[in-house]
Structure formats: structure tokens, C-alpha cells
Amino acid sequence: MKAVIDTNVLLVANGQHADVSADCVIECVRRLQAVQQGGVAVIDDGYRILGEYLHKTSVNPPKGVGDVFLKWLLREAGNAARVEQVSLTETAADRFAEFPDPVLEPHFDAPDRKFAAVAHAHPGKPPVWQAADCKWLDWWPALRAQGVEVEFLCPADACRFYGRKFPGKPGPALPGGNS
């Protein structure tokens, strides 16, 4: 198991995301613990992802499963068997030469671009794990066309949030044909 993990997975696992289902929290906890037990986390070598994790979580003392995951990640960052790092070329603030789709990039949330860029830059193209950020529901088809998969850990929650955020839009399709 190898993945690029969006910050919201850690936040949901910490109980820091209002309105997510108990199933969503359980799935995020399960996934983070699975990576710690034998998976591989993929980050950028400029520590942009780690920096965001540090900014939004608490490691001293850790209060939740996402915090514990971050502490593990910081300990293992130099261990290539557990944490793989890829280089990103930042061409402007939050813009990367490795972003998979230059047409999509301006429409993508600036802080989220690094996750897609890391997945695309990695030779194995690991999936991006996404918990409840519904905007990724609009982005995944274009990312998939460029070889980057998005795994929605909480598809029902993401679709529910999408309906609230974009009430006039039809419900989005999910990877795998579910909606």
C-alpha cells in the first residue's frame, strides 16, 4: 500500500472535521494505521506536505490518530522503505511543473496542487487519498486521464458535501462508476 495522503485524511482521523460520518472517521483511521504498519507514504522532498500537516495538526502532544501518524511520518521521513520522496519544481507559488494537467491547474485549489503533483511525479503514480474535500469530485476525471488516481475514502460524505456546496449542480460521478 502506497499513497499520497491529503491533509484532510489526518484531520478526519483526528476528529477535526465537522459533519463527517462515523464511517468516514473509521476509514481514515484504518488507512493511516495501515500505512504505519506496513505501507509507504509519498511526500515531496521540499516538505510542503509535511509542512501543511504540521500546520494543521498537533504533535506535541499528539491528540488524535492523524497526529500520531504525523509523528510516525516525521520519524520515518529518512527511511526510503516507509516514506518515498519526490522532487517538485515550483514554477510560481503553489504551481508545479509536475502538475498533471496544466489546463486544470488554475481551477485547482492552490494548497491541493502539491498532492496531485507528487502523485504525478512519482514513477509508480500512487493514488491520492482524499477524505471529504468535495471539490476533488470535479477534478478526478482530468487527473485520471493523466495517470493520477484519486481514492475517495469517504465517497458518501464527499457527495453529501458536494450537494451542499454546489446545490445547482448534478451529483458528480465517482471513480469506479458509483455516484
N, C-alpha and C. Protein backbone atom coordinates (compact mmCIF):
# COMPACT_ATOMS: atom_id res chain seq x y z
N MET A 1 0.84 -1.17 0.00
CA MET A 1 0.00 0.00 0.00
C MET A 1 0.89 1.23 0.00
N LYS A 2 0.66 2.07 -1.00
CA LYS A 2 1.44 3.30 -1.16
C LYS A 2 0.47 4.40 -1.54
N ALA A 3 0.61 5.59 -0.93
CA ALA A 3 -0.33 6.67 -1.22
C ALA A 3 0.26 8.04 -0.92
N VAL A 4 -0.29 9.03 -1.63
CA VAL A 4 -0.11 10.44 -1.30
C VAL A 4 -1.36 10.77 -0.49
N ILE A 5 -1.18 11.29 0.71
CA ILE A 5 -2.30 11.44 1.64
C ILE A 5 -2.63 12.91 1.84
N ASP A 6 -3.83 13.30 1.41
CA ASP A 6 -4.30 14.67 1.60
C ASP A 6 -4.43 14.95 3.10
N THR A 7 -4.16 16.16 3.49
CA THR A 7 -4.21 16.57 4.89
C THR A 7 -5.57 16.29 5.52
N ASN A 8 -6.64 16.36 4.74
CA ASN A 8 -7.94 16.16 5.37
C ASN A 8 -8.14 14.74 5.88
N VAL A 9 -7.36 13.78 5.40
CA VAL A 9 -7.43 12.41 5.95
C VAL A 9 -6.95 12.44 7.40
N LEU A 10 -5.86 13.16 7.67
CA LEU A 10 -5.36 13.28 9.03
C LEU A 10 -6.36 14.02 9.92
N LEU A 11 -6.94 15.10 9.37
CA LEU A 11 -7.89 15.90 10.15
C LEU A 11 -9.14 15.09 10.50
N VAL A 12 -9.66 14.33 9.54
CA VAL A 12 -10.82 13.49 9.81
C VAL A 12 -10.47 12.44 10.86
N ALA A 13 -9.31 11.81 10.73
CA ALA A 13 -8.89 10.80 11.71
C ALA A 13 -8.72 11.40 13.11
N ASN A 14 -8.43 12.69 13.17
CA ASN A 14 -8.30 13.39 14.46
C ASN A 14 -9.65 13.82 15.02
N GLY A 15 -10.71 13.69 14.25
CA GLY A 15 -12.00 14.22 14.68
C GLY A 15 -12.09 15.73 14.50
N GLN A 16 -11.29 16.30 13.60
CA GLN A 16 -11.24 17.74 13.38
C GLN A 16 -12.08 18.20 12.20
N HIS A 17 -12.90 17.35 11.64
CA HIS A 17 -13.73 17.74 10.50
C HIS A 17 -15.19 17.57 10.90
N ALA A 18 -15.88 18.68 11.01
CA ALA A 18 -17.29 18.64 11.40
C ALA A 18 -18.12 17.97 10.31
N ASP A 19 -19.15 17.30 10.72
CA ASP A 19 -20.16 16.75 9.81
C ASP A 19 -19.77 15.50 9.06
N VAL A 20 -18.58 14.93 9.27
CA VAL A 20 -18.30 13.66 8.60
C VAL A 20 -18.95 12.54 9.38
N SER A 21 -19.22 11.46 8.68
CA SER A 21 -19.85 10.30 9.31
C SER A 21 -18.84 9.54 10.17
N ALA A 22 -19.37 8.74 11.08
CA ALA A 22 -18.51 7.87 11.89
C ALA A 22 -17.76 6.90 10.98
N ASP A 23 -18.41 6.43 9.92
CA ASP A 23 -17.74 5.52 8.98
C ASP A 23 -16.54 6.18 8.32
N CYS A 24 -16.66 7.46 8.02
CA CYS A 24 -15.56 8.20 7.41
C CYS A 24 -14.37 8.28 8.37
N VAL A 25 -14.65 8.61 9.62
CA VAL A 25 -13.57 8.67 10.62
C VAL A 25 -12.89 7.31 10.73
N ILE A 26 -13.69 6.26 10.83
CA ILE A 26 -13.14 4.91 10.97
C ILE A 26 -12.26 4.55 9.77
N GLU A 27 -12.71 4.88 8.57
CA GLU A 27 -11.93 4.55 7.37
C GLU A 27 -10.62 5.33 7.34
N CYS A 28 -10.63 6.60 7.68
CA CYS A 28 -9.39 7.39 7.70
C CYS A 28 -8.42 6.85 8.75
N VAL A 29 -8.94 6.50 9.92
CA VAL A 29 -8.11 5.91 10.97
C VAL A 29 -7.49 4.61 10.46
N ARG A 30 -8.32 3.76 9.88
CA ARG A 30 -7.86 2.45 9.39
C ARG A 30 -6.75 2.62 8.35
N ARG A 31 -6.94 3.54 7.43
CA ARG A 31 -5.94 3.74 6.37
C ARG A 31 -4.62 4.27 6.92
N LEU A 32 -4.69 5.25 7.80
CA LEU A 32 -3.44 5.79 8.37
C LEU A 32 -2.70 4.73 9.17
N GLN A 33 -3.42 3.96 9.94
CA GLN A 33 -2.78 2.91 10.73
C GLN A 33 -2.19 1.83 9.82
N ALA A 34 -2.84 1.53 8.71
CA ALA A 34 -2.32 0.54 7.77
C ALA A 34 -1.00 1.00 7.16
N VAL A 35 -0.91 2.29 6.84
CA VAL A 35 0.35 2.81 6.31
C VAL A 35 1.45 2.68 7.36
N GLN A 36 1.14 3.02 8.60
CA GLN A 36 2.13 2.92 9.67
C GLN A 36 2.58 1.47 9.87
N GLN A 37 1.68 0.54 9.71
CA GLN A 37 2.01 -0.86 9.98
C GLN A 37 2.76 -1.54 8.84
N GLY A 38 2.73 -0.97 7.65
CA GLY A 38 3.44 -1.66 6.58
C GLY A 38 3.33 -1.01 5.22
N GLY A 39 2.79 0.17 5.16
CA GLY A 39 2.65 0.85 3.87
C GLY A 39 3.75 1.87 3.64
N VAL A 40 3.56 2.66 2.61
CA VAL A 40 4.52 3.69 2.24
C VAL A 40 3.76 4.99 2.00
N ALA A 41 4.19 6.04 2.67
CA ALA A 41 3.65 7.38 2.44
C ALA A 41 4.55 8.07 1.41
N VAL A 42 3.94 8.79 0.48
CA VAL A 42 4.70 9.50 -0.54
C VAL A 42 4.51 11.00 -0.31
N ILE A 43 5.64 11.70 -0.20
CA ILE A 43 5.63 13.15 0.05
C ILE A 43 6.63 13.82 -0.89
N ASP A 44 6.67 15.12 -0.85
CA ASP A 44 7.65 15.86 -1.65
C ASP A 44 8.91 16.09 -0.81
N ASP A 45 10.06 16.18 -1.49
CA ASP A 45 11.32 16.36 -0.77
C ASP A 45 11.54 17.78 -0.29
N GLY A 46 10.65 18.70 -0.65
CA GLY A 46 10.70 20.06 -0.13
C GLY A 46 9.87 20.22 1.13
N TYR A 47 9.28 19.14 1.57
CA TYR A 47 8.47 19.06 2.80
C TYR A 47 7.28 20.01 2.81
N ARG A 48 6.72 20.26 1.63
CA ARG A 48 5.50 21.08 1.57
C ARG A 48 4.33 20.33 2.22
N ILE A 49 4.23 19.04 1.92
CA ILE A 49 3.15 18.24 2.51
C ILE A 49 3.34 18.13 4.02
N LEU A 50 4.55 17.79 4.45
CA LEU A 50 4.82 17.72 5.89
C LEU A 50 4.55 19.06 6.57
N GLY A 51 4.92 20.14 5.93
CA GLY A 51 4.69 21.47 6.50
C GLY A 51 3.20 21.74 6.70
N GLU A 52 2.38 21.33 5.73
CA GLU A 52 0.94 21.52 5.88
C GLU A 52 0.40 20.65 7.02
N TYR A 53 0.86 19.42 7.08
CA TYR A 53 0.44 18.54 8.18
C TYR A 53 0.79 19.18 9.53
N LEU A 54 2.03 19.67 9.64
CA LEU A 54 2.48 20.28 10.90
C LEU A 54 1.65 21.51 11.27
N HIS A 55 1.26 22.27 10.27
CA HIS A 55 0.48 23.49 10.49
C HIS A 55 -0.94 23.18 10.98
N LYS A 56 -1.50 22.06 10.55
CA LYS A 56 -2.91 21.78 10.83
C LYS A 56 -3.15 20.72 11.89
N THR A 57 -2.10 20.11 12.40
CA THR A 57 -2.25 19.08 13.42
C THR A 57 -1.38 19.41 14.62
N SER A 58 -1.38 18.50 15.60
CA SER A 58 -0.62 18.72 16.82
C SER A 58 0.22 17.50 17.13
N VAL A 59 1.54 17.67 17.19
CA VAL A 59 2.39 16.51 17.50
C VAL A 59 2.89 16.52 18.94
N ASN A 60 2.80 17.64 19.61
CA ASN A 60 3.29 17.73 20.99
C ASN A 60 2.23 18.30 21.93
N PRO A 61 1.49 17.52 22.63
CA PRO A 61 1.40 16.06 22.50
C PRO A 61 0.40 15.71 21.40
N PRO A 62 0.55 14.54 20.79
CA PRO A 62 -0.43 14.14 19.79
C PRO A 62 -1.78 13.89 20.45
N LYS A 63 -2.84 14.36 19.80
CA LYS A 63 -4.17 14.24 20.38
C LYS A 63 -5.05 13.24 19.65
N GLY A 64 -4.71 12.93 18.39
CA GLY A 64 -5.55 12.04 17.62
C GLY A 64 -4.72 11.14 16.72
N VAL A 65 -5.41 10.27 16.00
CA VAL A 65 -4.73 9.31 15.13
C VAL A 65 -3.96 10.01 14.02
N GLY A 66 -4.48 11.12 13.49
CA GLY A 66 -3.76 11.88 12.48
C GLY A 66 -2.47 12.47 13.03
N ASP A 67 -2.51 12.93 14.27
CA ASP A 67 -1.31 13.46 14.93
C ASP A 67 -0.27 12.36 15.12
N VAL A 68 -0.72 11.19 15.54
CA VAL A 68 0.18 10.05 15.74
C VAL A 68 0.80 9.64 14.40
N PHE A 69 -0.01 9.66 13.35
CA PHE A 69 0.51 9.36 12.01
C PHE A 69 1.61 10.36 11.64
N LEU A 70 1.37 11.64 11.87
CA LEU A 70 2.38 12.65 11.55
C LEU A 70 3.66 12.41 12.33
N LYS A 71 3.54 12.09 13.59
CA LYS A 71 4.73 11.81 14.41
C LYS A 71 5.50 10.64 13.81
N TRP A 72 4.78 9.59 13.40
CA TRP A 72 5.41 8.44 12.75
C TRP A 72 6.11 8.89 11.47
N LEU A 73 5.43 9.70 10.66
CA LEU A 73 5.97 10.16 9.39
C LEU A 73 7.25 10.98 9.60
N LEU A 74 7.26 11.82 10.61
CA LEU A 74 8.46 12.60 10.91
C LEU A 74 9.64 11.69 11.31
N ARG A 75 9.34 10.65 12.08
CA ARG A 75 10.39 9.69 12.47
C ARG A 75 10.91 8.91 11.27
N GLU A 76 10.02 8.58 10.34
CA GLU A 76 10.38 7.71 9.22
C GLU A 76 10.77 8.45 7.95
N ALA A 77 10.74 9.78 7.96
CA ALA A 77 10.96 10.57 6.74
C ALA A 77 12.25 10.21 6.01
N GLY A 78 13.25 9.81 6.72
CA GLY A 78 14.53 9.44 6.09
C GLY A 78 14.62 7.97 5.70
N ASN A 79 13.59 7.19 5.98
CA ASN A 79 13.58 5.76 5.70
C ASN A 79 12.85 5.52 4.38
N ALA A 80 13.60 5.32 3.31
CA ALA A 80 13.01 5.19 1.97
C ALA A 80 12.11 3.96 1.83
N ALA A 81 12.22 3.03 2.75
CA ALA A 81 11.34 1.86 2.70
C ALA A 81 9.93 2.19 3.21
N ARG A 82 9.79 3.29 3.93
CA ARG A 82 8.49 3.67 4.52
C ARG A 82 7.95 4.99 4.01
N VAL A 83 8.87 5.88 3.61
CA VAL A 83 8.47 7.20 3.11
C VAL A 83 9.27 7.47 1.84
N GLU A 84 8.56 7.61 0.73
CA GLU A 84 9.22 7.94 -0.53
C GLU A 84 9.02 9.42 -0.81
N GLN A 85 10.11 10.05 -1.23
CA GLN A 85 10.06 11.48 -1.50
C GLN A 85 10.34 11.73 -2.98
N VAL A 86 9.57 12.65 -3.55
CA VAL A 86 9.79 13.04 -4.94
C VAL A 86 10.07 14.54 -4.98
N SER A 87 10.79 14.94 -6.00
CA SER A 87 11.11 16.35 -6.19
C SER A 87 10.01 17.04 -6.98
N LEU A 88 9.70 18.25 -6.56
CA LEU A 88 8.76 19.09 -7.29
C LEU A 88 9.50 20.35 -7.74
N THR A 89 9.13 20.83 -8.91
CA THR A 89 9.69 22.06 -9.43
C THR A 89 8.60 23.12 -9.33
N GLU A 90 8.77 24.04 -8.37
CA GLU A 90 7.77 25.08 -8.17
C GLU A 90 8.07 26.21 -9.15
N THR A 91 7.14 26.45 -10.07
CA THR A 91 7.34 27.47 -11.10
C THR A 91 6.81 28.84 -10.66
N ALA A 92 5.89 28.83 -9.71
CA ALA A 92 5.34 30.03 -9.07
C ALA A 92 4.73 29.50 -7.77
N ALA A 93 4.24 30.39 -6.92
CA ALA A 93 3.66 29.93 -5.66
C ALA A 93 2.55 28.90 -5.92
N ASP A 94 2.71 27.72 -5.34
CA ASP A 94 1.74 26.63 -5.47
C ASP A 94 1.47 26.21 -6.92
N ARG A 95 2.44 26.37 -7.78
CA ARG A 95 2.35 25.89 -9.17
C ARG A 95 3.58 25.02 -9.44
N PHE A 96 3.33 23.86 -10.05
CA PHE A 96 4.40 22.88 -10.19
C PHE A 96 4.50 22.36 -11.62
N ALA A 97 5.73 22.25 -12.10
CA ALA A 97 5.95 21.69 -13.43
C ALA A 97 5.39 20.27 -13.50
N GLU A 98 5.35 19.57 -12.38
CA GLU A 98 4.89 18.19 -12.34
C GLU A 98 3.37 18.05 -12.21
N PHE A 99 2.65 19.16 -12.11
CA PHE A 99 1.19 19.05 -12.01
C PHE A 99 0.69 18.36 -13.28
N PRO A 100 -0.19 17.37 -13.14
CA PRO A 100 -0.53 16.51 -14.28
C PRO A 100 -1.29 17.16 -15.43
N ASP A 101 -2.01 18.23 -15.18
CA ASP A 101 -2.86 18.80 -16.23
C ASP A 101 -2.80 20.32 -16.16
N PRO A 102 -2.02 20.96 -17.05
CA PRO A 102 -1.88 22.41 -16.98
C PRO A 102 -3.19 23.17 -17.20
N VAL A 103 -4.15 22.57 -17.89
CA VAL A 103 -5.44 23.22 -18.10
C VAL A 103 -6.24 23.23 -16.79
N LEU A 104 -6.13 22.15 -16.02
CA LEU A 104 -6.85 22.03 -14.74
C LEU A 104 -6.20 22.86 -13.63
N GLU A 105 -4.90 23.02 -13.69
CA GLU A 105 -4.17 23.64 -12.58
C GLU A 105 -4.74 24.97 -12.10
N PRO A 106 -5.11 25.92 -12.97
CA PRO A 106 -5.64 27.19 -12.46
C PRO A 106 -6.98 27.04 -11.74
N HIS A 107 -7.72 25.97 -12.00
CA HIS A 107 -9.02 25.74 -11.37
C HIS A 107 -8.91 24.93 -10.09
N PHE A 108 -7.74 24.43 -9.82
CA PHE A 108 -7.47 23.56 -8.68
C PHE A 108 -7.12 24.42 -7.47
N ASP A 109 -7.60 24.05 -6.29
CA ASP A 109 -7.21 24.80 -5.09
C ASP A 109 -5.69 24.82 -4.97
N ALA A 110 -5.13 25.99 -4.81
CA ALA A 110 -3.67 26.13 -4.76
C ALA A 110 -3.01 25.21 -3.73
N PRO A 111 -3.51 25.13 -2.48
CA PRO A 111 -2.84 24.26 -1.50
C PRO A 111 -2.95 22.77 -1.82
N ASP A 112 -3.90 22.39 -2.67
CA ASP A 112 -4.06 20.97 -3.01
C ASP A 112 -3.21 20.53 -4.20
N ARG A 113 -2.66 21.47 -4.93
CA ARG A 113 -1.90 21.12 -6.14
C ARG A 113 -0.71 20.22 -5.84
N LYS A 114 -0.08 20.42 -4.68
CA LYS A 114 1.11 19.63 -4.36
C LYS A 114 0.80 18.14 -4.30
N PHE A 115 -0.40 17.76 -3.85
CA PHE A 115 -0.74 16.35 -3.74
C PHE A 115 -0.82 15.70 -5.12
N ALA A 116 -1.50 16.36 -6.05
CA ALA A 116 -1.60 15.84 -7.42
C ALA A 116 -0.22 15.83 -8.09
N ALA A 117 0.57 16.87 -7.86
CA ALA A 117 1.90 16.95 -8.46
C ALA A 117 2.81 15.84 -7.94
N VAL A 118 2.76 15.56 -6.65
CA VAL A 118 3.58 14.48 -6.08
C VAL A 118 3.18 13.13 -6.67
N ALA A 119 1.87 12.87 -6.75
CA ALA A 119 1.42 11.60 -7.32
C ALA A 119 1.87 11.46 -8.77
N HIS A 120 1.79 12.54 -9.52
CA HIS A 120 2.18 12.51 -10.93
C HIS A 120 3.68 12.38 -11.11
N ALA A 121 4.46 13.00 -10.22
CA ALA A 121 5.92 12.97 -10.33
C ALA A 121 6.50 11.62 -9.93
N HIS A 122 5.79 10.88 -9.10
CA HIS A 122 6.28 9.58 -8.62
C HIS A 122 6.21 8.56 -9.76
N PRO A 123 7.27 7.78 -9.96
CA PRO A 123 7.26 6.82 -11.08
C PRO A 123 6.15 5.76 -10.97
N GLY A 124 5.70 5.44 -9.75
CA GLY A 124 4.65 4.45 -9.56
C GLY A 124 3.24 5.01 -9.58
N LYS A 125 3.11 6.33 -9.70
CA LYS A 125 1.81 7.00 -9.72
C LYS A 125 0.88 6.51 -8.60
N PRO A 126 1.29 6.66 -7.33
CA PRO A 126 0.41 6.22 -6.23
C PRO A 126 -0.86 7.06 -6.20
N PRO A 127 -1.95 6.50 -5.68
CA PRO A 127 -3.18 7.28 -5.60
C PRO A 127 -3.08 8.40 -4.57
N VAL A 128 -3.90 9.40 -4.77
CA VAL A 128 -4.08 10.45 -3.76
C VAL A 128 -5.28 10.03 -2.93
N TRP A 129 -5.09 9.91 -1.61
CA TRP A 129 -6.20 9.60 -0.71
C TRP A 129 -6.89 10.89 -0.33
N GLN A 130 -8.17 10.91 -0.52
CA GLN A 130 -8.99 12.07 -0.26
C GLN A 130 -10.12 11.65 0.67
N ALA A 131 -10.35 12.41 1.72
CA ALA A 131 -11.41 12.05 2.67
C ALA A 131 -12.72 12.74 2.30
N ALA A 132 -12.83 14.02 2.55
CA ALA A 132 -14.13 14.68 2.44
C ALA A 132 -14.12 16.00 1.68
N ASP A 133 -13.04 16.32 0.99
CA ASP A 133 -12.99 17.56 0.21
C ASP A 133 -13.72 17.32 -1.11
N CYS A 134 -14.93 17.84 -1.21
CA CYS A 134 -15.82 17.53 -2.34
C CYS A 134 -15.34 18.12 -3.66
N LYS A 135 -14.48 19.11 -3.64
CA LYS A 135 -14.03 19.70 -4.91
C LYS A 135 -13.26 18.69 -5.76
N TRP A 136 -12.62 17.71 -5.11
CA TRP A 136 -11.89 16.68 -5.85
C TRP A 136 -12.83 15.87 -6.73
N LEU A 137 -14.12 15.87 -6.43
CA LEU A 137 -15.08 15.14 -7.26
C LEU A 137 -15.15 15.73 -8.67
N ASP A 138 -14.88 17.01 -8.81
CA ASP A 138 -14.83 17.63 -10.13
C ASP A 138 -13.48 17.41 -10.82
N TRP A 139 -12.44 17.16 -10.04
CA TRP A 139 -11.08 17.11 -10.58
C TRP A 139 -10.61 15.71 -10.96
N TRP A 140 -11.16 14.67 -10.32
CA TRP A 140 -10.58 13.34 -10.52
C TRP A 140 -10.59 12.86 -11.98
N PRO A 141 -11.64 13.15 -12.80
CA PRO A 141 -11.58 12.63 -14.17
C PRO A 141 -10.38 13.16 -14.97
N ALA A 142 -10.10 14.45 -14.85
CA ALA A 142 -8.96 15.03 -15.57
C ALA A 142 -7.64 14.48 -15.02
N LEU A 143 -7.58 14.26 -13.72
CA LEU A 143 -6.37 13.68 -13.14
C LEU A 143 -6.18 12.25 -13.63
N ARG A 144 -7.27 11.48 -13.64
CA ARG A 144 -7.18 10.09 -14.11
C ARG A 144 -6.68 10.04 -15.55
N ALA A 145 -7.15 10.96 -16.39
CA ALA A 145 -6.73 10.99 -17.78
C ALA A 145 -5.22 11.18 -17.91
N GLN A 146 -4.59 11.72 -16.87
CA GLN A 146 -3.14 11.92 -16.86
C GLN A 146 -2.41 10.87 -16.02
N GLY A 147 -3.13 9.84 -15.59
CA GLY A 147 -2.50 8.74 -14.85
C GLY A 147 -2.50 8.88 -13.35
N VAL A 148 -3.20 9.88 -12.81
CA VAL A 148 -3.27 10.08 -11.36
C VAL A 148 -4.66 9.68 -10.87
N GLU A 149 -4.68 8.70 -9.99
CA GLU A 149 -5.95 8.23 -9.42
C GLU A 149 -6.22 8.94 -8.10
N VAL A 150 -7.49 9.20 -7.84
CA VAL A 150 -7.93 9.76 -6.56
C VAL A 150 -8.79 8.69 -5.91
N GLU A 151 -8.43 8.32 -4.68
CA GLU A 151 -9.22 7.36 -3.92
C GLU A 151 -10.03 8.12 -2.88
N PHE A 152 -11.33 8.09 -3.03
CA PHE A 152 -12.21 8.75 -2.07
C PHE A 152 -12.48 7.78 -0.93
N LEU A 153 -11.92 8.07 0.23
CA LEU A 153 -12.08 7.18 1.39
C LEU A 153 -13.48 7.29 1.96
N CYS A 154 -14.13 8.41 1.73
CA CYS A 154 -15.47 8.67 2.26
C CYS A 154 -16.38 9.17 1.15
N PRO A 155 -16.68 8.34 0.16
CA PRO A 155 -17.42 8.83 -1.00
C PRO A 155 -18.81 9.38 -0.66
N ALA A 156 -19.52 8.76 0.26
CA ALA A 156 -20.86 9.26 0.61
C ALA A 156 -20.77 10.65 1.24
N ASP A 157 -19.79 10.85 2.10
CA ASP A 157 -19.59 12.15 2.74
C ASP A 157 -19.21 13.20 1.70
N ALA A 158 -18.27 12.86 0.81
CA ALA A 158 -17.83 13.81 -0.21
C ALA A 158 -19.02 14.23 -1.09
N CYS A 159 -19.84 13.26 -1.48
CA CYS A 159 -21.01 13.58 -2.33
C CYS A 159 -22.03 14.44 -1.57
N ARG A 160 -22.22 14.15 -0.29
CA ARG A 160 -23.14 14.95 0.52
C ARG A 160 -22.65 16.40 0.63
N PHE A 161 -21.35 16.58 0.88
CA PHE A 161 -20.79 17.93 0.97
C PHE A 161 -20.88 18.64 -0.38
N TYR A 162 -20.69 17.89 -1.46
CA TYR A 162 -20.77 18.46 -2.80
C TYR A 162 -22.17 19.02 -3.04
N GLY A 163 -23.18 18.25 -2.67
CA GLY A 163 -24.57 18.69 -2.84
C GLY A 163 -24.87 19.97 -2.09
N ARG A 164 -24.27 20.12 -0.91
CA ARG A 164 -24.46 21.35 -0.12
C ARG A 164 -23.71 22.53 -0.73
N LYS A 165 -22.48 22.26 -1.18
CA LYS A 165 -21.62 23.34 -1.67
C LYS A 165 -22.06 23.82 -3.06
N PHE A 166 -22.54 22.89 -3.89
CA PHE A 166 -22.93 23.19 -5.26
C PHE A 166 -24.36 22.72 -5.50
N PRO A 167 -25.35 23.36 -4.86
CA PRO A 167 -26.72 22.86 -4.92
C PRO A 167 -27.34 22.83 -6.31
N GLY A 168 -26.88 23.64 -7.23
CA GLY A 168 -27.46 23.66 -8.57
C GLY A 168 -26.83 22.67 -9.53
N LYS A 169 -25.73 22.03 -9.11
CA LYS A 169 -25.03 21.11 -10.00
C LYS A 169 -25.53 19.68 -9.78
N PRO A 170 -25.55 18.89 -10.83
CA PRO A 170 -25.92 17.47 -10.65
C PRO A 170 -24.84 16.75 -9.85
N GLY A 171 -25.25 15.67 -9.19
CA GLY A 171 -24.29 14.90 -8.41
C GLY A 171 -23.17 14.36 -9.28
N PRO A 172 -21.95 14.44 -8.82
CA PRO A 172 -20.81 14.01 -9.62
C PRO A 172 -20.69 12.49 -9.66
N ALA A 173 -20.01 12.03 -10.68
CA ALA A 173 -19.66 10.62 -10.76
C ALA A 173 -18.45 10.36 -9.87
N LEU A 174 -18.36 9.14 -9.40
CA LEU A 174 -17.21 8.72 -8.61
C LEU A 174 -16.35 7.77 -9.43
N PRO A 175 -15.07 7.69 -9.11
CA PRO A 175 -14.24 6.67 -9.79
C PRO A 175 -14.88 5.30 -9.59
N GLY A 176 -14.88 4.49 -10.59
CA GLY A 176 -15.50 3.17 -10.49
C GLY A 176 -16.95 3.17 -10.92
N GLY A 177 -17.47 4.33 -11.32
CA GLY A 177 -18.83 4.40 -11.83
C GLY A 177 -19.91 4.59 -10.79
N ASN A 178 -19.56 4.72 -9.52
CA ASN A 178 -20.57 4.95 -8.49
C ASN A 178 -20.87 6.43 -8.39
N SER A 179 -22.08 6.77 -8.02
CA SER A 179 -22.40 8.19 -7.77
C SER A 179 -23.33 8.33 -6.61
